[in-house]
Amino acid sequence: KSKNIQSNLINIKSNIWYVFPGEEPFECESQSLSSPISNIISVKEPMIVTFPCDKPVRCSNIQLPPTTCINTTVMITTKYNTTLKKQSVPVILFNKITDRLVLIYKSAAMEALTQLQMEIDNNQWWVKKILKQFGNTLLSLFACVLLSITLLIIKISGCKNNKQVENIQTQINRIQRDILQEI
């Protein structure tokens, strides 16, 4: 819920401002009420600035409305130190924040893809395990069916052999009876 004060000044919250150059760079000056020394910030690129609370700030020809400090936390950080001297008005260059956010999102995306790949690999392992167990069960079932068919063939052939033996035995008995009757 920011307030657009001017086309290149946006109040983010309380004394935190997003400033960016328009057609040409400009300067913002923060005047301390207790000291004659003022802080001048040159705005050549987009940046987030924290101006002192309850103190007048002039950016080019615009006097910013006074801001009151509120008891809230707005965290905007960068891992880059963009200034060599210590400034009383903290400045964070916007392109550094953008670079850092892009880097964080790339890292998060890579980690998510890595986790997804591990999950897929784990799922494939389970699929392979299930297929292996199914294959073992199928192989055992096939072996049982093959054994049953073999035993059935042996039984059928045994029955045929028994019939043939009985048939031969019957013929032998007839021949024997015929020979005994002739004598």
Protein backbone atom coordinates (compact mmCIF):
# COMPACT_ATOMS: atom_id res chain seq x y z
CA LYS A 1 0.00 0.00 0.00
CA SER A 2 2.42 2.62 -1.21
CA LYS A 3 1.66 6.26 -1.97
CA ASN A 4 2.83 7.78 -5.22
CA ILE A 5 3.90 11.29 -4.21
CA GLN A 6 5.48 12.21 -7.52
CA SER A 7 6.16 10.17 -10.65
CA ASN A 8 9.59 9.12 -9.35
CA LEU A 9 8.96 9.04 -5.57
CA ILE A 10 6.83 6.36 -3.93
CA ASN A 11 6.29 6.12 -0.18
CA ILE A 12 6.44 2.42 0.74
CA LYS A 13 5.71 2.75 4.44
CA SER A 14 6.35 5.47 6.98
CA ASN A 15 9.86 6.77 6.25
CA ILE A 16 10.79 4.15 3.62
CA TRP A 17 10.74 5.42 0.04
CA TYR A 18 11.27 3.95 -3.40
CA VAL A 19 12.99 6.56 -5.56
CA PHE A 20 14.05 6.31 -9.18
CA PRO A 21 15.35 8.81 -11.72
CA GLY A 22 12.95 10.15 -14.31
CA GLU A 23 14.44 11.65 -17.43
CA GLU A 24 17.49 12.86 -15.49
CA PRO A 25 19.07 12.05 -12.14
CA PHE A 26 18.06 14.15 -9.14
CA GLU A 27 19.09 14.64 -5.53
CA CYS A 28 17.32 14.29 -2.22
CA GLU A 29 18.48 16.22 0.82
CA SER A 30 17.66 15.30 4.38
CA GLN A 31 18.12 18.16 6.86
CA SER A 32 18.72 17.40 10.51
CA LEU A 33 16.96 19.75 12.91
CA SER A 34 19.72 19.40 15.49
CA SER A 35 22.67 19.74 13.11
CA PRO A 36 23.49 22.11 10.26
CA ILE A 37 24.89 19.20 8.25
CA SER A 38 22.56 17.68 5.69
CA ASN A 39 22.73 14.38 3.84
CA ILE A 40 22.49 14.47 0.07
CA ILE A 41 21.59 11.38 -1.91
CA SER A 42 22.09 11.39 -5.65
CA VAL A 43 19.41 9.32 -7.41
CA LYS A 44 20.91 7.93 -10.61
CA GLU A 45 19.21 4.53 -10.51
CA PRO A 46 16.22 2.98 -8.72
CA MET A 47 16.77 2.57 -4.99
CA ILE A 48 15.01 2.21 -1.67
CA VAL A 49 15.83 4.94 0.84
CA THR A 50 15.08 5.29 4.52
CA PHE A 51 14.80 8.97 5.38
CA PRO A 52 14.93 10.16 8.99
CA CYS A 53 11.57 10.41 10.73
CA ASP A 54 9.96 13.78 11.47
CA LYS A 55 12.63 15.68 9.52
CA PRO A 56 12.22 17.71 6.36
CA VAL A 57 13.34 16.06 3.13
CA ARG A 58 13.57 17.86 -0.19
CA CYS A 59 13.98 15.96 -3.47
CA SER A 60 14.80 18.33 -6.36
CA ASN A 61 11.98 20.84 -6.18
CA ILE A 62 9.57 18.69 -4.11
CA GLN A 63 9.28 18.95 -0.34
CA LEU A 64 8.31 15.48 0.95
CA PRO A 65 5.60 15.34 3.57
CA PRO A 66 6.94 14.63 7.04
CA THR A 67 6.76 11.01 8.06
CA THR A 68 6.31 9.72 11.56
CA CYS A 69 8.16 6.72 12.83
CA ILE A 70 5.88 3.83 13.59
CA ASN A 71 6.57 0.73 15.58
CA THR A 72 6.65 -1.73 12.70
CA THR A 73 9.31 -3.67 10.90
CA VAL A 74 9.90 -3.44 7.18
CA MET A 75 12.88 -5.57 6.29
CA ILE A 76 14.72 -4.72 3.10
CA THR A 77 18.23 -6.10 2.99
CA THR A 78 21.01 -6.59 0.53
CA LYS A 79 24.16 -8.61 0.89
CA TYR A 80 26.12 -6.02 -1.07
CA ASN A 81 27.72 -2.99 0.56
CA THR A 82 27.16 -0.30 -2.05
CA THR A 83 28.80 2.57 -0.21
CA LEU A 84 32.25 3.05 1.20
CA LYS A 85 31.33 5.72 3.70
CA LYS A 86 28.76 5.35 6.44
CA GLN A 87 25.62 7.28 5.57
CA SER A 88 23.09 8.41 8.10
CA VAL A 89 20.37 7.82 5.49
CA PRO A 90 20.41 4.12 4.55
CA VAL A 91 20.25 3.52 0.80
CA ILE A 92 19.68 0.22 -0.97
CA LEU A 93 20.13 0.21 -4.73
CA PHE A 94 17.17 -1.40 -6.44
CA ASN A 95 19.18 -3.30 -9.05
CA LYS A 96 21.11 -5.02 -6.22
CA ILE A 97 17.81 -6.09 -4.64
CA THR A 98 16.58 -7.32 -8.02
CA ASP A 99 19.80 -9.27 -8.63
CA ARG A 100 19.59 -10.80 -5.16
CA LEU A 101 15.91 -11.74 -5.58
CA VAL A 102 16.62 -13.33 -8.97
CA LEU A 103 19.50 -15.29 -7.43
CA ILE A 104 17.31 -16.43 -4.51
CA TYR A 105 14.48 -17.50 -6.84
CA LYS A 106 16.92 -19.33 -9.12
CA SER A 107 18.36 -21.15 -6.10
CA ALA A 108 14.89 -22.02 -4.84
CA ALA A 109 13.84 -23.21 -8.30
CA MET A 110 16.96 -25.38 -8.63
CA GLU A 111 16.38 -26.87 -5.19
CA ALA A 112 12.71 -27.54 -6.02
CA LEU A 113 13.71 -29.22 -9.28
CA THR A 114 16.35 -31.29 -7.46
CA GLN A 115 13.79 -32.39 -4.87
CA LEU A 116 11.29 -33.16 -7.63
CA GLN A 117 13.90 -35.25 -9.47
CA MET A 118 14.70 -37.12 -6.24
CA GLU A 119 10.98 -37.71 -5.68
CA ILE A 120 10.61 -38.98 -9.24
CA ASP A 121 13.65 -41.23 -8.78
CA ASN A 122 12.20 -42.55 -5.51
CA ASN A 123 8.85 -43.18 -7.19
CA GLN A 124 10.59 -44.96 -10.07
CA TRP A 125 12.36 -47.13 -7.52
CA TRP A 126 8.98 -48.06 -6.03
CA VAL A 127 7.60 -48.72 -9.50
CA LYS A 128 10.60 -50.91 -10.28
CA LYS A 129 10.19 -52.72 -6.96
CA ILE A 130 6.49 -53.32 -7.63
CA LEU A 131 7.23 -54.48 -11.17
CA LYS A 132 9.97 -56.76 -9.85
CA GLN A 133 7.62 -58.26 -7.25
CA PHE A 134 4.87 -58.57 -9.85
CA GLY A 135 7.38 -60.16 -12.24
CA ASN A 136 8.47 -62.66 -9.57
CA THR A 137 4.84 -63.49 -8.80
CA LEU A 138 4.04 -63.80 -12.50
CA LEU A 139 7.09 -66.01 -13.04
CA SER A 140 6.08 -68.24 -10.11
CA LEU A 141 2.53 -68.45 -11.44
CA PHE A 142 3.84 -69.33 -14.91
CA ALA A 143 6.08 -72.05 -13.40
CA CYS A 144 3.09 -73.49 -11.49
CA VAL A 145 0.93 -73.49 -14.63
CA LEU A 146 3.74 -75.13 -16.63
CA LEU A 147 4.24 -77.78 -13.89
CA SER A 148 0.47 -78.42 -13.78
CA ILE A 149 0.35 -78.84 -17.57
CA THR A 150 3.35 -81.19 -17.45
CA LEU A 151 1.72 -83.28 -14.69
CA LEU A 152 -1.56 -83.33 -16.63
CA ILE A 153 0.25 -84.53 -19.77
CA ILE A 154 2.01 -87.23 -17.72
CA LYS A 155 -1.33 -88.28 -16.19
CA ILE A 156 -3.06 -88.38 -19.60
CA SER A 157 -0.20 -90.30 -21.13
CA GLY A 158 -0.20 -92.63 -18.07
CA CYS A 159 -3.94 -93.26 -18.56
CA LYS A 160 -3.36 -93.99 -22.26
CA ASN A 161 -0.52 -96.34 -21.37
CA ASN A 162 -2.75 -98.05 -18.80
CA LYS A 163 -5.48 -98.51 -21.45
CA GLN A 164 -2.91 -99.87 -23.88
CA VAL A 165 -1.55 -102.23 -21.20
CA GLU A 166 -5.09 -103.36 -20.36
CA ASN A 167 -5.85 -103.80 -24.06
CA ILE A 168 -2.65 -105.84 -24.56
CA GLN A 169 -3.42 -107.83 -21.40
CA THR A 170 -6.91 -108.55 -22.75
CA GLN A 171 -5.46 -109.73 -26.06
CA ILE A 172 -2.92 -111.93 -24.28
CA ASN A 173 -5.70 -113.42 -22.17
CA ARG A 174 -7.75 -114.17 -25.33
CA ILE A 175 -4.82 -115.74 -27.07
CA GLN A 176 -4.08 -117.80 -23.98
CA ARG A 177 -7.71 -118.89 -23.69
CA ASP A 178 -7.84 -119.76 -27.40
CA ILE A 179 -4.70 -121.84 -27.08
CA LEU A 180 -6.05 -123.62 -24.02
CA GLN A 181 -9.33 -124.41 -25.80
CA GLU A 182 -7.53 -125.95 -28.73
CA ILE A 183 -5.68 -128.30 -26.55
